[in-house]
Amino acid sequence: MKQSGLWMLLACLLWTGLSGRAAAEGSSIATSMGDLRWGMSEHEIIAFVKRKIDERYTAQIHATHDARRQSQLRDEMKRAQSDVQQSLVTFGRRSSWDSSKIAGEFDHDNGESLVVYKDDASENYYFFLNGRLWKWYKALEDRTFSSNFKRFSQSIEKKFGRGHAKSGELSPGQGQTQWLEYLDRNSRMRAADNTKHSTFALIFEDMGAVRELASIRKTAGSTRNNYREDEEPASTTRTEVARAQTRKSVFEGEQHTETDAEYQARTRRMATEERQKQQAIHSRKEESKKGEVLKPLEGMDDKDPLGGL
């Protein structure tokens, strides 16, 4: 079981395709993202996924000489590509996504959208802010690792090195959980326990967009959760959300009601201060750890992105 689980994780990451340019960046996060780049458009991601589908099915078509089977595979490929094209959704009013495994990973009426691609090994959710890629959520069936987070995290640490173990609310209002966290210059990766939805997740995020969203999202919970790296995420209750939406101050115990202009000005100022603080924290971590947490992957085989796991 353990070996099959590890090979399943290898297979789910393999399709991203490791590029020499990513490896040269010296980050295991960038290497695992392969050809994905923050800021890619919805159209570029759809084309990217369609190309991966074409590559997967073309290999199967060439592997058989049965004309009927080849025709079936071509039809399946077209359906899969069409499903990706049609999966694009913009988060406006509430929908079934609010109770799905990705609940809490997005906000409404905020310029956020999604493209979905499901393969045999994983479910891939590509999130966009104003039409630009900022997050990739890869969901893996927890039974692949016997629903055991320790086994899952051990596999992740073999690939990425020792991570920063955290617990709390990964997303506002979604309940307590646990995860491993990694940072590089531009990105954050979280290996998270989402077993209440029968899932373990790899969540890759653009830190620039994380900070931007922290300043514009409506609730104090999502602000604190999304870019305060030096503390555990705070819980967000329905009452707290309601208070935030009435523009009551969300900063350090201040209880007076603010105007919209005051609220926006204060939010921007706090976002700037927190961004500067985060940059200082990250610099200190990089200096002290000297690359131990996110050391470059040496001797990586393009056909084996998990180093033989």
Protein backbone atom coordinates (compact mmCIF):
# COMPACT_ATOMS: atom_id res chain seq x y z
CA MET A 1 0.00 0.00 0.00
CA LYS A 2 2.72 2.44 0.89
CA GLN A 3 4.59 1.98 -2.37
CA SER A 4 1.36 2.30 -4.42
CA GLY A 5 0.52 5.52 -2.60
CA LEU A 6 3.92 7.00 -3.28
CA TRP A 7 3.77 6.07 -6.94
CA MET A 8 0.32 7.63 -7.20
CA LEU A 9 1.68 10.93 -5.91
CA LEU A 10 4.55 10.69 -8.39
CA ALA A 11 2.09 10.14 -11.24
CA CYS A 12 -0.12 13.07 -10.26
CA LEU A 13 2.81 15.51 -10.36
CA LEU A 14 4.56 14.04 -13.39
CA TRP A 15 2.18 15.50 -15.95
CA THR A 16 3.11 19.09 -15.08
CA GLY A 17 6.39 18.57 -16.99
CA LEU A 18 9.63 19.73 -15.48
CA SER A 19 11.39 22.44 -17.43
CA GLY A 20 15.06 23.24 -17.31
CA ARG A 21 14.20 26.87 -16.64
CA ALA A 22 12.23 25.94 -13.51
CA ALA A 23 15.03 23.80 -12.18
CA ALA A 24 17.45 26.64 -12.75
CA GLU A 25 15.38 28.85 -10.44
CA GLY A 26 16.62 26.69 -7.59
CA SER A 27 13.29 26.18 -5.82
CA SER A 28 11.50 22.87 -5.38
CA ILE A 29 8.22 24.78 -5.60
CA ALA A 30 9.10 26.25 -9.01
CA THR A 31 10.43 22.89 -10.17
CA SER A 32 7.22 21.09 -9.24
CA MET A 33 5.14 23.73 -11.02
CA GLY A 34 6.93 22.91 -14.26
CA ASP A 35 5.68 25.13 -17.10
CA LEU A 36 3.06 26.87 -14.98
CA ARG A 37 3.81 30.54 -14.31
CA TRP A 38 1.97 33.02 -12.13
CA GLY A 39 0.06 35.54 -14.19
CA MET A 40 -0.86 33.15 -17.00
CA SER A 41 -4.27 34.02 -18.45
CA GLU A 42 -7.35 31.81 -18.34
CA HIS A 43 -6.89 31.16 -22.06
CA GLU A 44 -3.25 30.16 -21.55
CA ILE A 45 -4.11 27.73 -18.76
CA ILE A 46 -6.92 26.15 -20.77
CA ALA A 47 -4.51 25.71 -23.70
CA PHE A 48 -1.86 24.36 -21.31
CA VAL A 49 -4.23 21.72 -19.90
CA LYS A 50 -5.56 20.78 -23.34
CA ARG A 51 -1.99 20.16 -24.46
CA LYS A 52 -1.41 17.87 -21.49
CA ILE A 53 -4.60 15.97 -22.30
CA ASP A 54 -3.48 15.62 -25.92
CA GLU A 55 -0.08 14.28 -24.84
CA ARG A 56 -1.67 11.74 -22.47
CA TYR A 57 -4.16 10.40 -24.99
CA THR A 58 -1.74 10.44 -27.92
CA ALA A 59 0.55 8.11 -25.98
CA GLN A 60 -2.37 5.73 -25.40
CA ILE A 61 -3.45 5.90 -29.03
CA HIS A 62 0.05 5.03 -30.24
CA ALA A 63 0.22 2.16 -27.77
CA THR A 64 -2.62 0.25 -29.46
CA HIS A 65 -3.17 -1.00 -33.01
CA ASP A 66 -6.90 -1.51 -32.46
CA ALA A 67 -8.62 1.01 -34.76
CA ARG A 68 -11.83 0.95 -32.72
CA ARG A 69 -9.96 1.61 -29.49
CA GLN A 70 -8.01 4.43 -31.13
CA SER A 71 -11.30 6.03 -32.19
CA GLN A 72 -12.67 5.71 -28.64
CA LEU A 73 -9.57 7.34 -27.20
CA ARG A 74 -9.81 10.24 -29.65
CA ASP A 75 -13.43 10.80 -28.64
CA GLU A 76 -12.47 10.67 -24.95
CA MET A 77 -9.70 13.20 -25.57
CA LYS A 78 -12.10 15.63 -27.26
CA ARG A 79 -14.58 15.29 -24.38
CA ALA A 80 -11.89 15.88 -21.78
CA GLN A 81 -10.66 18.98 -23.59
CA SER A 82 -14.22 20.26 -23.94
CA ASP A 83 -14.82 19.70 -20.20
CA VAL A 84 -11.82 21.88 -19.39
CA GLN A 85 -13.02 24.62 -21.74
CA GLN A 86 -16.46 24.58 -20.13
CA SER A 87 -15.17 24.40 -16.54
CA LEU A 88 -14.30 28.11 -16.43
CA VAL A 89 -16.41 29.77 -13.73
CA THR A 90 -16.40 33.24 -12.20
CA PHE A 91 -17.22 33.44 -8.50
CA GLY A 92 -20.17 35.80 -8.32
CA ARG A 93 -23.15 34.70 -6.30
CA ARG A 94 -22.92 31.70 -4.02
CA SER A 95 -22.97 28.21 -5.55
CA SER A 96 -22.18 24.56 -4.85
CA TRP A 97 -18.48 25.48 -4.79
CA ASP A 98 -19.07 27.00 -1.32
CA SER A 99 -19.53 23.53 0.17
CA SER A 100 -16.91 21.74 -1.94
CA LYS A 101 -13.36 20.68 -1.08
CA ILE A 102 -12.11 24.10 -2.25
CA ALA A 103 -14.50 26.08 -0.04
CA GLY A 104 -12.67 29.02 1.51
CA GLU A 105 -10.06 29.14 -1.26
CA PHE A 106 -11.87 31.97 -3.07
CA ASP A 107 -14.16 34.94 -2.49
CA HIS A 108 -17.24 36.23 -4.33
CA ASP A 109 -17.66 39.32 -6.53
CA ASN A 110 -13.92 39.92 -6.35
CA GLY A 111 -12.63 39.28 -9.83
CA GLU A 112 -11.79 35.66 -8.96
CA SER A 113 -12.39 32.72 -11.32
CA LEU A 114 -11.54 29.04 -11.74
CA VAL A 115 -10.62 26.37 -14.30
CA VAL A 116 -10.88 22.67 -13.35
CA TYR A 117 -9.06 19.63 -14.71
CA LYS A 118 -9.49 16.09 -13.36
CA ASP A 119 -7.18 13.27 -14.34
CA ASP A 120 -6.86 9.70 -13.10
CA ALA A 121 -4.71 10.62 -10.11
CA SER A 122 -5.84 14.06 -8.97
CA GLU A 123 -8.17 17.01 -9.31
CA ASN A 124 -6.54 20.29 -10.35
CA TYR A 125 -8.09 23.68 -9.62
CA TYR A 126 -6.52 26.75 -11.22
CA PHE A 127 -7.54 30.02 -9.56
CA PHE A 128 -7.38 33.43 -11.23
CA LEU A 129 -7.50 37.00 -9.95
CA ASN A 130 -8.67 39.43 -12.64
CA GLY A 131 -7.99 36.74 -15.23
CA ARG A 132 -4.44 35.93 -14.07
CA LEU A 133 -3.29 32.66 -12.46
CA TRP A 134 -2.45 33.02 -8.76
CA LYS A 135 -3.17 29.61 -7.21
CA TRP A 136 -3.02 25.94 -8.13
CA TYR A 137 -4.86 23.51 -5.84
CA LYS A 138 -4.05 19.84 -6.48
CA ALA A 139 -6.37 17.47 -4.61
CA LEU A 140 -5.28 13.86 -4.02
CA GLU A 141 -7.48 11.11 -2.67
CA ASP A 142 -6.54 10.58 0.98
CA ARG A 143 -6.90 6.80 0.64
CA THR A 144 -3.78 6.92 -1.53
CA PHE A 145 -1.95 7.45 1.79
CA SER A 146 -4.33 5.34 3.90
CA SER A 147 -5.98 8.59 5.07
CA ASN A 148 -2.87 9.14 7.18
CA PHE A 149 -1.53 12.71 7.20
CA LYS A 150 1.76 11.60 8.73
CA ARG A 151 2.39 9.26 5.81
CA PHE A 152 1.42 11.99 3.37
CA SER A 153 3.66 14.60 5.03
CA GLN A 154 6.61 12.20 5.11
CA SER A 155 6.30 11.76 1.34
CA ILE A 156 6.13 15.52 0.86
CA GLU A 157 9.21 16.13 3.01
CA LYS A 158 11.19 13.60 0.98
CA LYS A 159 10.45 15.75 -2.03
CA PHE A 160 10.56 19.30 -0.65
CA GLY A 161 12.71 18.98 2.47
CA ARG A 162 11.65 19.75 5.99
CA GLY A 163 8.55 21.97 6.08
CA HIS A 164 7.11 24.31 8.66
CA ALA A 165 4.36 22.32 10.45
CA LYS A 166 1.25 24.42 11.16
CA SER A 167 -2.27 23.89 12.41
CA GLY A 168 -5.36 26.07 12.57
CA GLU A 169 -7.78 27.28 9.92
CA LEU A 170 -6.24 26.94 6.50
CA SER A 171 -9.20 28.83 5.03
CA PRO A 172 -11.57 31.14 6.93
CA GLY A 173 -14.54 29.37 8.45
CA GLN A 174 -13.50 25.90 7.22
CA GLY A 175 -12.50 24.41 10.59
CA GLN A 176 -9.25 23.31 12.16
CA THR A 177 -6.72 21.31 10.17
CA GLN A 178 -2.96 20.79 9.77
CA TRP A 179 -0.44 21.39 7.02
CA LEU A 180 3.22 21.72 6.04
CA GLU A 181 4.25 25.08 4.65
CA TYR A 182 7.08 26.07 2.30
CA LEU A 183 8.13 29.45 0.94
CA ASP A 184 10.45 30.66 -1.76
CA ARG A 185 11.05 34.13 -3.20
CA ASN A 186 7.75 34.25 -5.11
CA SER A 187 5.57 31.37 -3.99
CA ARG A 188 4.09 29.46 -1.10
CA MET A 189 3.23 25.77 -1.09
CA ARG A 190 1.04 24.10 1.52
CA ALA A 191 0.65 20.34 1.87
CA ALA A 192 -2.67 20.22 3.68
CA ASP A 193 -4.97 17.76 5.41
CA ASN A 194 -8.49 18.04 3.99
CA THR A 195 -9.67 14.58 4.97
CA LYS A 196 -13.14 15.85 5.84
CA HIS A 197 -13.46 15.94 2.03
CA SER A 198 -11.45 12.69 1.62
CA THR A 199 -8.54 14.71 0.26
CA PHE A 200 -4.94 15.72 0.82
CA ALA A 201 -3.99 18.86 -1.05
CA LEU A 202 -0.96 20.56 -2.52
CA ILE A 203 -1.73 24.29 -2.67
CA PHE A 204 0.65 26.48 -4.68
CA GLU A 205 0.15 30.26 -4.39
CA ASP A 206 1.65 33.44 -5.81
CA MET A 207 2.67 35.48 -2.75
CA GLY A 208 2.19 38.77 -4.58
CA ALA A 209 -1.46 37.90 -5.22
CA VAL A 210 -1.85 36.54 -1.68
CA ARG A 211 -0.86 39.92 -0.28
CA GLU A 212 -3.04 41.78 -2.76
CA LEU A 213 -6.06 39.67 -1.86
CA ALA A 214 -5.33 40.16 1.83
CA SER A 215 -5.84 43.89 1.35
CA ILE A 216 -9.06 43.68 -0.65
CA ARG A 217 -10.96 40.70 0.71
CA LYS A 218 -13.80 41.59 2.99
CA THR A 219 -13.14 39.73 6.21
CA ALA A 220 -10.50 40.03 8.88
CA GLY A 221 -10.24 36.25 8.88
CA SER A 222 -9.20 36.01 5.25
CA THR A 223 -6.76 38.91 5.68
CA ARG A 224 -5.01 37.26 8.59
CA ASN A 225 -5.09 33.78 7.08
CA ASN A 226 -3.66 34.68 3.72
CA TYR A 227 -0.41 36.43 4.49
CA ARG A 228 0.47 36.61 8.18
CA GLU A 229 3.23 34.00 8.03
CA ASP A 230 4.42 34.57 11.62
CA GLU A 231 1.21 33.54 13.40
CA GLU A 232 -1.48 30.90 13.26
CA PRO A 233 -4.61 31.76 11.22
CA ALA A 234 -7.47 33.12 13.28
CA SER A 235 -10.94 31.61 13.09
CA THR A 236 -13.66 33.51 11.27
CA THR A 237 -17.20 33.07 12.56
CA ARG A 238 -20.40 34.13 10.87
CA THR A 239 -20.71 36.95 13.39
CA GLU A 240 -17.21 38.22 12.58
CA VAL A 241 -17.96 38.17 8.86
CA ALA A 242 -21.13 40.17 9.43
CA ARG A 243 -19.22 42.72 11.48
CA ALA A 244 -16.54 43.10 8.83
CA GLN A 245 -19.13 43.63 6.13
CA THR A 246 -20.60 46.59 8.08
CA ARG A 247 -17.15 48.21 7.92
CA LYS A 248 -16.43 47.95 11.62
CA SER A 249 -12.70 48.27 12.21
CA VAL A 250 -10.90 44.93 12.04
CA PHE A 251 -7.61 46.18 13.48
CA GLU A 252 -6.27 45.47 16.96
CA GLY A 253 -9.31 45.88 19.12
CA GLU A 254 -10.55 49.18 17.64
CA GLN A 255 -14.32 49.07 17.77
CA HIS A 256 -15.47 52.37 16.18
CA THR A 257 -17.33 52.31 12.86
CA GLU A 258 -15.38 53.62 9.87
CA THR A 259 -16.45 55.20 6.63
CA ASP A 260 -15.70 53.30 3.42
CA ALA A 261 -12.89 55.74 2.59
CA GLU A 262 -11.31 55.36 6.04
CA TYR A 263 -11.65 51.60 5.84
CA GLN A 264 -9.97 51.37 2.45
CA ALA A 265 -7.16 53.75 3.45
CA ARG A 266 -6.49 51.84 6.65
CA THR A 267 -6.57 48.52 4.82
CA ARG A 268 -4.02 49.70 2.25
CA ARG A 269 -1.72 51.09 4.93
CA MET A 270 -1.87 47.90 7.01
CA ALA A 271 -1.27 45.78 3.90
CA THR A 272 1.87 47.78 3.12
CA GLU A 273 3.16 47.46 6.67
CA GLU A 274 2.46 43.73 6.78
CA ARG A 275 4.12 43.22 3.39
CA GLN A 276 7.25 44.97 4.63
CA LYS A 277 7.18 42.95 7.82
CA GLN A 278 6.74 39.71 5.88
CA GLN A 279 9.63 40.53 3.57
CA ALA A 280 11.85 41.13 6.60
CA ILE A 281 10.74 37.84 8.20
CA HIS A 282 11.38 35.96 4.97
CA SER A 283 14.84 37.48 4.60
CA ARG A 284 15.76 36.43 8.13
CA LYS A 285 14.51 32.91 7.51
CA GLU A 286 16.48 32.63 4.29
CA GLU A 287 19.62 33.83 6.01
CA SER A 288 19.29 31.45 8.97
CA LYS A 289 18.19 28.34 7.16
CA LYS A 290 20.62 28.81 4.27
CA GLY A 291 18.41 26.91 1.92
CA GLU A 292 17.84 23.88 4.13
CA VAL A 293 14.04 24.02 4.02
CA LEU A 294 13.79 24.71 0.32
CA LYS A 295 17.09 23.51 -1.01
CA PRO A 296 17.40 22.99 -4.78
CA LEU A 297 16.66 19.55 -6.12
CA GLU A 298 19.97 18.18 -7.27
CA GLY A 299 20.19 15.43 -9.83
CA MET A 300 16.48 15.64 -10.65
CA ASP A 301 15.32 13.20 -13.29
CA ASP A 302 12.69 14.85 -15.51
CA LYS A 303 10.82 11.56 -15.69
CA ASP A 304 10.79 11.19 -11.90
CA PRO A 305 9.90 14.57 -10.28
CA LEU A 306 9.64 13.05 -6.82
CA GLY A 307 13.09 11.63 -6.93
CA GLY A 308 11.99 7.99 -7.06
CA LEU A 309 9.25 8.13 -4.43
